């Protein structure tokens, strides 16, 4: 069943990457692979956010976590395409663009993975803070707790 979860989610991740890659391919620069950069950056952010949140706060089925993390996001992001595109930029005498691509991908992915982890921890902490509030302060009718002010 684990392989089935990874396979189905992987199919969806690969299709999403192909669709989004075509959508992003705006002709920004004739040779710069902006679509792969954006896909890898967003994938790193989402994977880090998702895994932190589901391991620390949200209880989900481990098979679902595997399907989304390894299957969908694993197929959505693409290190192999990044590597080939980097080499191809060097082959067409755009080594400086290849270096910019390698640095922006490497640093950007690590920074966005860190940002995803930080955001998930903020959400987790806010959830813990809410859990520790008295029940009457967590209901929607909090204005009843506030004294009326005469005008």
N, C-alpha and C. Protein backbone atom coordinates (compact mmCIF):
# COMPACT_ATOMS: atom_id res chain seq x y z
N UNK A 1 0.80 -1.20 0.00
CA UNK A 1 0.00 0.00 0.00
C UNK A 1 0.85 1.27 0.00
N UNK A 2 2.04 1.23 0.65
CA UNK A 2 2.90 2.40 0.66
C UNK A 2 3.32 2.77 -0.77
N UNK A 3 3.66 1.77 -1.57
CA UNK A 3 4.08 2.04 -2.94
C UNK A 3 2.94 2.62 -3.77
N UNK A 4 1.74 2.16 -3.49
CA UNK A 4 0.57 2.67 -4.21
C UNK A 4 0.34 4.15 -3.85
N UNK A 5 0.47 4.49 -2.58
CA UNK A 5 0.31 5.89 -2.14
C UNK A 5 1.36 6.77 -2.79
N UNK A 6 2.61 6.30 -2.80
CA UNK A 6 3.68 7.08 -3.42
C UNK A 6 3.46 7.19 -4.93
N UNK A 7 3.04 6.10 -5.56
CA UNK A 7 2.84 6.09 -7.00
C UNK A 7 1.72 7.01 -7.45
N UNK A 8 0.58 6.94 -6.78
CA UNK A 8 -0.55 7.80 -7.16
C UNK A 8 -0.22 9.26 -6.91
N UNK A 9 0.31 9.55 -5.74
CA UNK A 9 0.66 10.94 -5.43
C UNK A 9 1.81 11.42 -6.32
N UNK A 10 2.74 10.53 -6.63
CA UNK A 10 3.85 10.88 -7.52
C UNK A 10 3.37 11.25 -8.91
N UNK A 11 2.39 10.51 -9.41
CA UNK A 11 1.79 10.83 -10.70
C UNK A 11 1.21 12.24 -10.67
N UNK A 12 0.47 12.54 -9.61
CA UNK A 12 -0.14 13.87 -9.49
C UNK A 12 0.92 14.97 -9.36
N UNK A 13 2.00 14.69 -8.62
CA UNK A 13 3.08 15.67 -8.48
C UNK A 13 3.79 15.93 -9.79
N UNK A 14 4.02 14.87 -10.56
CA UNK A 14 4.70 15.02 -11.85
C UNK A 14 3.83 15.79 -12.84
N UNK A 15 2.54 15.49 -12.84
CA UNK A 15 1.62 16.22 -13.73
C UNK A 15 1.53 17.68 -13.32
N UNK A 16 1.50 17.94 -12.03
CA UNK A 16 1.47 19.33 -11.54
C UNK A 16 2.73 20.07 -11.96
N UNK A 17 3.88 19.40 -11.83
CA UNK A 17 5.14 20.04 -12.24
C UNK A 17 5.14 20.35 -13.73
N UNK A 18 4.70 19.42 -14.54
CA UNK A 18 4.67 19.64 -15.99
C UNK A 18 3.73 20.80 -16.35
N UNK A 19 2.56 20.82 -15.74
CA UNK A 19 1.58 21.87 -16.01
C UNK A 19 2.09 23.23 -15.54
N UNK A 20 2.60 23.27 -14.30
CA UNK A 20 3.10 24.53 -13.76
C UNK A 20 4.34 25.00 -14.51
N UNK A 21 5.19 24.06 -14.91
CA UNK A 21 6.38 24.40 -15.68
C UNK A 21 6.03 25.10 -16.98
N UNK A 22 5.01 24.63 -17.65
CA UNK A 22 4.57 25.27 -18.89
C UNK A 22 3.93 26.63 -18.61
N UNK A 23 3.20 26.71 -17.52
CA UNK A 23 2.55 27.96 -17.15
C UNK A 23 3.58 29.05 -16.81
N UNK A 24 4.63 28.67 -16.10
CA UNK A 24 5.66 29.62 -15.68
C UNK A 24 6.59 30.00 -16.82
N UNK A 25 6.78 29.12 -17.77
CA UNK A 25 7.71 29.35 -18.87
C UNK A 25 7.27 30.59 -19.66
N UNK A 26 7.70 31.74 -19.17
CA UNK A 26 7.23 33.02 -19.70
C UNK A 26 8.18 33.65 -20.70
N UNK A 27 9.30 33.02 -20.95
CA UNK A 27 10.29 33.64 -21.82
C UNK A 27 11.07 34.73 -21.11
N UNK A 28 11.09 34.67 -19.76
CA UNK A 28 11.81 35.64 -18.93
C UNK A 28 13.22 35.85 -19.44
N UNK A 29 13.92 34.80 -19.63
CA UNK A 29 15.24 34.84 -20.23
C UNK A 29 15.31 33.62 -21.14
N UNK A 30 15.89 33.81 -22.27
CA UNK A 30 15.88 32.75 -23.27
C UNK A 30 16.46 31.44 -22.74
N UNK A 31 17.43 31.52 -21.85
CA UNK A 31 18.10 30.31 -21.41
C UNK A 31 17.94 30.01 -19.93
N UNK A 32 17.46 30.96 -19.16
CA UNK A 32 17.36 30.74 -17.71
C UNK A 32 16.14 29.89 -17.37
N UNK A 33 16.33 28.77 -16.66
CA UNK A 33 15.23 27.85 -16.35
C UNK A 33 14.41 28.31 -15.13
N UNK A 34 13.71 29.41 -15.30
CA UNK A 34 12.92 29.98 -14.22
C UNK A 34 11.85 29.01 -13.72
N UNK A 35 11.25 28.26 -14.64
CA UNK A 35 10.20 27.33 -14.23
C UNK A 35 10.72 26.28 -13.24
N UNK A 36 11.86 25.71 -13.51
CA UNK A 36 12.43 24.70 -12.60
C UNK A 36 12.83 25.34 -11.28
N UNK A 37 13.38 26.54 -11.34
CA UNK A 37 13.77 27.25 -10.11
C UNK A 37 12.54 27.47 -9.22
N UNK A 38 11.47 27.99 -9.77
CA UNK A 38 10.27 28.26 -8.98
C UNK A 38 9.67 26.97 -8.43
N UNK A 39 9.64 25.95 -9.23
CA UNK A 39 9.09 24.67 -8.78
C UNK A 39 9.92 24.10 -7.63
N UNK A 40 11.23 24.13 -7.75
CA UNK A 40 12.08 23.61 -6.68
C UNK A 40 11.99 24.46 -5.41
N UNK A 41 11.93 25.77 -5.57
CA UNK A 41 11.82 26.64 -4.40
C UNK A 41 10.51 26.41 -3.65
N UNK A 42 9.41 26.37 -4.39
CA UNK A 42 8.11 26.16 -3.74
C UNK A 42 8.03 24.76 -3.14
N UNK A 43 8.58 23.78 -3.82
CA UNK A 43 8.56 22.42 -3.30
C UNK A 43 9.33 22.29 -1.99
N UNK A 44 10.47 22.95 -1.89
CA UNK A 44 11.26 22.90 -0.64
C UNK A 44 10.51 23.55 0.51
N UNK A 45 9.88 24.68 0.24
CA UNK A 45 9.10 25.37 1.26
C UNK A 45 7.94 24.49 1.74
N UNK A 46 7.17 23.99 0.80
CA UNK A 46 5.98 23.21 1.14
C UNK A 46 6.36 21.91 1.85
N UNK A 47 7.39 21.21 1.38
CA UNK A 47 7.79 19.96 2.02
C UNK A 47 8.21 20.19 3.47
N UNK A 48 9.03 21.18 3.70
CA UNK A 48 9.48 21.48 5.07
C UNK A 48 8.31 21.87 5.95
N UNK A 49 7.45 22.74 5.45
CA UNK A 49 6.27 23.18 6.19
C UNK A 49 5.37 21.98 6.52
N UNK A 50 5.07 21.19 5.51
CA UNK A 50 4.17 20.05 5.66
C UNK A 50 4.72 19.03 6.65
N UNK A 51 5.98 18.64 6.49
CA UNK A 51 6.54 17.61 7.38
C UNK A 51 6.62 18.09 8.81
N UNK A 52 7.07 19.33 9.02
CA UNK A 52 7.13 19.85 10.38
C UNK A 52 5.75 19.89 11.02
N UNK A 53 4.78 20.39 10.28
CA UNK A 53 3.43 20.51 10.80
C UNK A 53 2.82 19.15 11.11
N UNK A 54 3.01 18.18 10.23
CA UNK A 54 2.38 16.88 10.45
C UNK A 54 3.12 16.01 11.46
N UNK A 55 4.38 16.24 11.65
CA UNK A 55 5.09 15.48 12.69
C UNK A 55 4.86 16.09 14.07
N UNK A 56 4.71 17.41 14.12
CA UNK A 56 4.63 18.10 15.40
C UNK A 56 3.21 18.40 15.88
N UNK A 57 2.27 18.62 14.95
CA UNK A 57 0.97 19.10 15.38
C UNK A 57 -0.22 18.31 14.83
N UNK A 58 -0.26 18.13 13.54
CA UNK A 58 -1.41 17.47 12.92
C UNK A 58 -1.17 15.98 12.82
N UNK A 59 -2.07 15.23 13.36
CA UNK A 59 -1.96 13.78 13.25
C UNK A 59 -2.62 13.35 11.95
N UNK A 60 -1.81 12.81 11.03
CA UNK A 60 -2.36 12.28 9.79
C UNK A 60 -1.84 10.87 9.60
N UNK A 61 -2.51 10.15 8.76
CA UNK A 61 -2.11 8.77 8.44
C UNK A 61 -0.69 8.79 7.87
N UNK A 62 0.21 7.96 8.40
CA UNK A 62 1.58 7.92 7.89
C UNK A 62 1.66 7.64 6.38
N UNK A 63 0.73 6.87 5.88
CA UNK A 63 0.71 6.58 4.44
C UNK A 63 0.38 7.85 3.64
N UNK A 64 -0.50 8.69 4.17
CA UNK A 64 -0.82 9.95 3.53
C UNK A 64 0.39 10.88 3.54
N UNK A 65 1.10 10.92 4.67
CA UNK A 65 2.32 11.73 4.76
C UNK A 65 3.36 11.25 3.75
N UNK A 66 3.51 9.94 3.64
CA UNK A 66 4.44 9.36 2.68
C UNK A 66 4.03 9.71 1.25
N UNK A 67 2.75 9.57 0.96
CA UNK A 67 2.26 9.88 -0.37
C UNK A 67 2.49 11.34 -0.75
N UNK A 68 2.18 12.24 0.17
CA UNK A 68 2.34 13.68 -0.12
C UNK A 68 3.82 14.06 -0.14
N UNK A 69 4.55 13.65 0.89
CA UNK A 69 5.96 14.06 1.00
C UNK A 69 6.86 13.42 -0.04
N UNK A 70 6.86 12.11 -0.11
CA UNK A 70 7.73 11.39 -1.04
C UNK A 70 7.14 11.33 -2.44
N UNK A 71 5.85 11.05 -2.51
CA UNK A 71 5.21 10.89 -3.82
C UNK A 71 4.99 12.22 -4.52
N UNK A 72 4.04 13.00 -4.01
CA UNK A 72 3.67 14.24 -4.70
C UNK A 72 4.84 15.23 -4.76
N UNK A 73 5.38 15.60 -3.60
CA UNK A 73 6.43 16.62 -3.59
C UNK A 73 7.75 16.10 -4.14
N UNK A 74 8.00 14.81 -4.00
CA UNK A 74 9.20 14.23 -4.59
C UNK A 74 9.16 14.28 -6.11
N UNK A 75 7.98 14.05 -6.68
CA UNK A 75 7.84 14.11 -8.14
C UNK A 75 7.70 15.55 -8.62
N UNK A 76 7.15 16.40 -7.77
CA UNK A 76 6.98 17.82 -8.12
C UNK A 76 8.32 18.53 -8.24
N UNK A 77 9.19 18.32 -7.27
CA UNK A 77 10.53 18.93 -7.34
C UNK A 77 11.42 18.07 -8.22
N UNK A 78 12.51 18.67 -8.70
CA UNK A 78 13.34 17.92 -9.63
C UNK A 78 14.80 18.34 -9.56
N UNK A 79 15.58 17.56 -8.85
CA UNK A 79 17.01 17.82 -8.77
C UNK A 79 17.71 17.42 -10.06
N UNK A 80 17.24 16.38 -10.69
CA UNK A 80 17.90 15.92 -11.93
C UNK A 80 17.74 16.95 -13.05
N UNK A 81 16.56 17.54 -13.19
CA UNK A 81 16.38 18.57 -14.22
C UNK A 81 17.25 19.78 -13.91
N UNK A 82 17.30 20.17 -12.65
CA UNK A 82 18.16 21.27 -12.23
C UNK A 82 19.62 20.99 -12.62
N UNK A 83 20.07 19.78 -12.39
CA UNK A 83 21.46 19.43 -12.71
C UNK A 83 21.74 19.48 -14.21
N UNK A 84 20.84 18.91 -14.99
CA UNK A 84 21.02 18.90 -16.44
C UNK A 84 20.96 20.32 -17.01
N UNK A 85 20.02 21.12 -16.51
CA UNK A 85 19.92 22.51 -16.98
C UNK A 85 21.18 23.30 -16.64
N UNK A 86 21.76 23.05 -15.48
CA UNK A 86 23.00 23.72 -15.09
C UNK A 86 24.13 23.38 -16.06
N UNK A 87 24.26 22.11 -16.40
CA UNK A 87 25.29 21.67 -17.35
C UNK A 87 25.03 22.24 -18.74
N UNK A 88 23.77 22.25 -19.15
CA UNK A 88 23.44 22.79 -20.47
C UNK A 88 23.78 24.27 -20.60
N UNK A 89 23.63 25.03 -19.54
CA UNK A 89 24.00 26.44 -19.57
C UNK A 89 25.51 26.60 -19.79
N UNK A 90 26.29 25.74 -19.17
CA UNK A 90 27.75 25.76 -19.38
C UNK A 90 28.08 25.38 -20.81
N UNK A 91 27.41 24.37 -21.34
CA UNK A 91 27.66 23.90 -22.71
C UNK A 91 27.41 24.99 -23.76
N UNK A 92 26.47 25.90 -23.49
CA UNK A 92 26.20 26.96 -24.47
C UNK A 92 26.90 28.27 -24.08
N UNK A 93 27.99 28.10 -23.33
CA UNK A 93 28.86 29.23 -22.95
C UNK A 93 28.17 30.27 -22.08
N UNK A 94 27.29 29.80 -21.20
CA UNK A 94 26.66 30.70 -20.23
C UNK A 94 26.99 30.23 -18.81
N UNK A 95 28.29 30.06 -18.58
CA UNK A 95 28.75 29.57 -17.28
C UNK A 95 28.32 30.50 -16.15
N UNK A 96 28.35 31.80 -16.38
CA UNK A 96 27.94 32.75 -15.34
C UNK A 96 26.45 32.58 -14.99
N UNK A 97 25.63 32.30 -15.99
CA UNK A 97 24.21 32.07 -15.75
C UNK A 97 24.01 30.73 -15.03
N UNK A 98 24.83 29.75 -15.39
CA UNK A 98 24.77 28.45 -14.71
C UNK A 98 25.14 28.62 -13.23
N UNK A 99 26.17 29.39 -12.96
CA UNK A 99 26.57 29.64 -11.58
C UNK A 99 25.46 30.36 -10.81
N UNK A 100 24.85 31.36 -11.44
CA UNK A 100 23.74 32.08 -10.80
C UNK A 100 22.58 31.13 -10.51
N UNK A 101 22.30 30.24 -11.44
CA UNK A 101 21.22 29.26 -11.29
C UNK A 101 21.53 28.29 -10.15
N UNK A 102 22.75 27.79 -10.12
CA UNK A 102 23.16 26.85 -9.07
C UNK A 102 23.08 27.51 -7.70
N UNK A 103 23.57 28.73 -7.59
CA UNK A 103 23.54 29.43 -6.30
C UNK A 103 22.12 29.80 -5.89
N UNK A 104 21.32 30.30 -6.84
CA UNK A 104 19.96 30.68 -6.47
C UNK A 104 19.12 29.47 -6.09
N UNK A 105 19.33 28.36 -6.76
CA UNK A 105 18.59 27.14 -6.40
C UNK A 105 19.06 26.60 -5.05
N UNK A 106 20.35 26.46 -4.89
CA UNK A 106 20.88 25.86 -3.66
C UNK A 106 20.56 26.71 -2.43
N UNK A 107 20.91 27.98 -2.50
CA UNK A 107 20.65 28.85 -1.35
C UNK A 107 19.16 29.10 -1.16
N UNK A 108 18.46 29.31 -2.26
CA UNK A 108 17.02 29.57 -2.17
C UNK A 108 16.26 28.40 -1.59
N UNK A 109 16.60 27.19 -2.02
CA UNK A 109 15.89 26.01 -1.51
C UNK A 109 16.14 25.82 -0.01
N UNK A 110 17.37 26.00 0.43
CA UNK A 110 17.67 25.87 1.85
C UNK A 110 16.96 26.96 2.65
N UNK A 111 17.00 28.19 2.15
CA UNK A 111 16.33 29.29 2.86
C UNK A 111 14.81 29.09 2.91
N UNK A 112 14.23 28.64 1.82
CA UNK A 112 12.78 28.43 1.82
C UNK A 112 12.38 27.21 2.65
N UNK A 113 13.21 26.20 2.70
CA UNK A 113 12.94 25.06 3.58
C UNK A 113 12.98 25.54 5.03
N UNK A 114 13.94 26.38 5.35
CA UNK A 114 14.02 26.96 6.69
C UNK A 114 12.78 27.81 6.98
N UNK A 115 12.36 28.62 6.02
CA UNK A 115 11.17 29.47 6.19
C UNK A 115 9.92 28.60 6.40
N UNK A 116 9.81 27.50 5.67
CA UNK A 116 8.68 26.60 5.86
C UNK A 116 8.67 26.00 7.26
N UNK A 117 9.85 25.64 7.75
CA UNK A 117 9.95 25.09 9.10
C UNK A 117 9.58 26.15 10.14
N UNK A 118 10.06 27.36 9.95
CA UNK A 118 9.76 28.45 10.89
C UNK A 118 8.26 28.74 10.90
N UNK A 119 7.66 28.85 9.73
CA UNK A 119 6.23 29.13 9.66
C UNK A 119 5.41 28.03 10.34
N UNK A 120 5.79 26.78 10.11
CA UNK A 120 5.05 25.68 10.75
C UNK A 120 5.21 25.74 12.25
N UNK A 121 6.39 26.11 12.74
CA UNK A 121 6.60 26.19 14.19
C UNK A 121 5.80 27.34 14.80
N UNK A 122 5.66 28.44 14.07
CA UNK A 122 4.83 29.55 14.54
C UNK A 122 3.38 29.09 14.67
N UNK A 123 2.90 28.39 13.66
CA UNK A 123 1.53 27.87 13.69
C UNK A 123 1.36 26.86 14.82
N UNK A 124 2.34 26.00 14.99
CA UNK A 124 2.29 25.00 16.06
C UNK A 124 2.25 25.70 17.42
N UNK A 125 3.10 26.70 17.60
CA UNK A 125 3.15 27.42 18.88
C UNK A 125 1.85 28.15 19.15
N UNK A 126 1.29 28.77 18.13
CA UNK A 126 0.00 29.46 18.32
C UNK A 126 -1.09 28.46 18.69
N UNK A 127 -1.02 27.29 18.10
CA UNK A 127 -1.99 26.25 18.45
C UNK A 127 -1.83 25.80 19.88
N UNK A 128 -0.59 25.68 20.34
CA UNK A 128 -0.34 25.30 21.73
C UNK A 128 -0.79 26.39 22.67
N UNK A 129 -0.57 27.66 22.29
CA UNK A 129 -1.02 28.77 23.12
C UNK A 129 -2.53 28.77 23.24
N UNK A 130 -3.22 28.48 22.16
CA UNK A 130 -4.68 28.42 22.16
C UNK A 130 -5.16 27.24 23.01
N UNK A 131 -4.44 26.13 22.95
CA UNK A 131 -4.83 24.95 23.74
C UNK A 131 -4.77 25.24 25.24
N UNK A 132 -3.88 26.14 25.64
CA UNK A 132 -3.71 26.39 27.07
C UNK A 132 -4.64 27.48 27.59
N UNK A 133 -5.41 28.14 26.71
CA UNK A 133 -6.34 29.16 27.15
C UNK A 133 -7.54 28.51 27.83
N UNK A 134 -8.14 29.22 28.78
CA UNK A 134 -9.38 28.70 29.37
C UNK A 134 -10.44 28.55 28.29
N UNK A 135 -11.33 27.59 28.45
CA UNK A 135 -12.33 27.28 27.43
C UNK A 135 -13.19 28.49 27.08
N UNK A 136 -13.53 29.31 28.07
CA UNK A 136 -14.39 30.45 27.78
C UNK A 136 -13.71 31.49 26.88
N UNK A 137 -12.39 31.49 26.81
CA UNK A 137 -11.69 32.43 25.92
C UNK A 137 -11.47 31.88 24.53
N UNK A 138 -11.72 30.62 24.33
CA UNK A 138 -11.53 30.04 23.01
C UNK A 138 -12.83 29.93 22.23
N UNK A 139 -13.95 30.31 22.84
CA UNK A 139 -15.21 30.28 22.11
C UNK A 139 -15.34 31.52 21.26
N UNK A 140 -16.22 31.47 20.30
CA UNK A 140 -16.40 32.61 19.41
C UNK A 140 -17.06 33.78 20.10
N UNK A 141 -17.72 33.56 21.21
CA UNK A 141 -18.45 34.62 21.88
C UNK A 141 -17.56 35.29 22.93
N UNK A 142 -16.38 35.74 22.55
CA UNK A 142 -15.45 36.34 23.50
C UNK A 142 -15.87 37.74 23.91
N UNK A 143 -16.68 38.40 23.10
CA UNK A 143 -17.10 39.76 23.47
C UNK A 143 -17.95 39.75 24.73
N UNK A 144 -18.53 38.61 25.08
CA UNK A 144 -19.33 38.53 26.30
C UNK A 144 -18.45 38.67 27.52
N UNK A 145 -17.15 38.40 27.38
CA UNK A 145 -16.22 38.50 28.49
C UNK A 145 -15.76 39.94 28.72
N UNK A 146 -16.03 40.82 27.76
CA UNK A 146 -15.57 42.20 27.83
C UNK A 146 -16.66 43.06 28.46
N UNK A 147 -16.31 43.84 29.49
CA UNK A 147 -17.34 44.68 30.12
C UNK A 147 -17.83 45.74 29.14
N UNK A 148 -19.11 46.05 29.23
CA UNK A 148 -19.68 47.10 28.38
C UNK A 148 -19.22 48.47 28.86
N UNK A 149 -19.00 49.35 27.93
CA UNK A 149 -18.60 50.70 28.25
C UNK A 149 -19.78 51.61 27.93
N UNK A 150 -20.19 52.40 28.92
CA UNK A 150 -21.31 53.31 28.68
C UNK A 150 -20.86 54.47 27.83
N UNK A 151 -21.76 54.92 26.97
CA UNK A 151 -21.43 56.05 26.09
C UNK A 151 -22.07 57.31 26.58
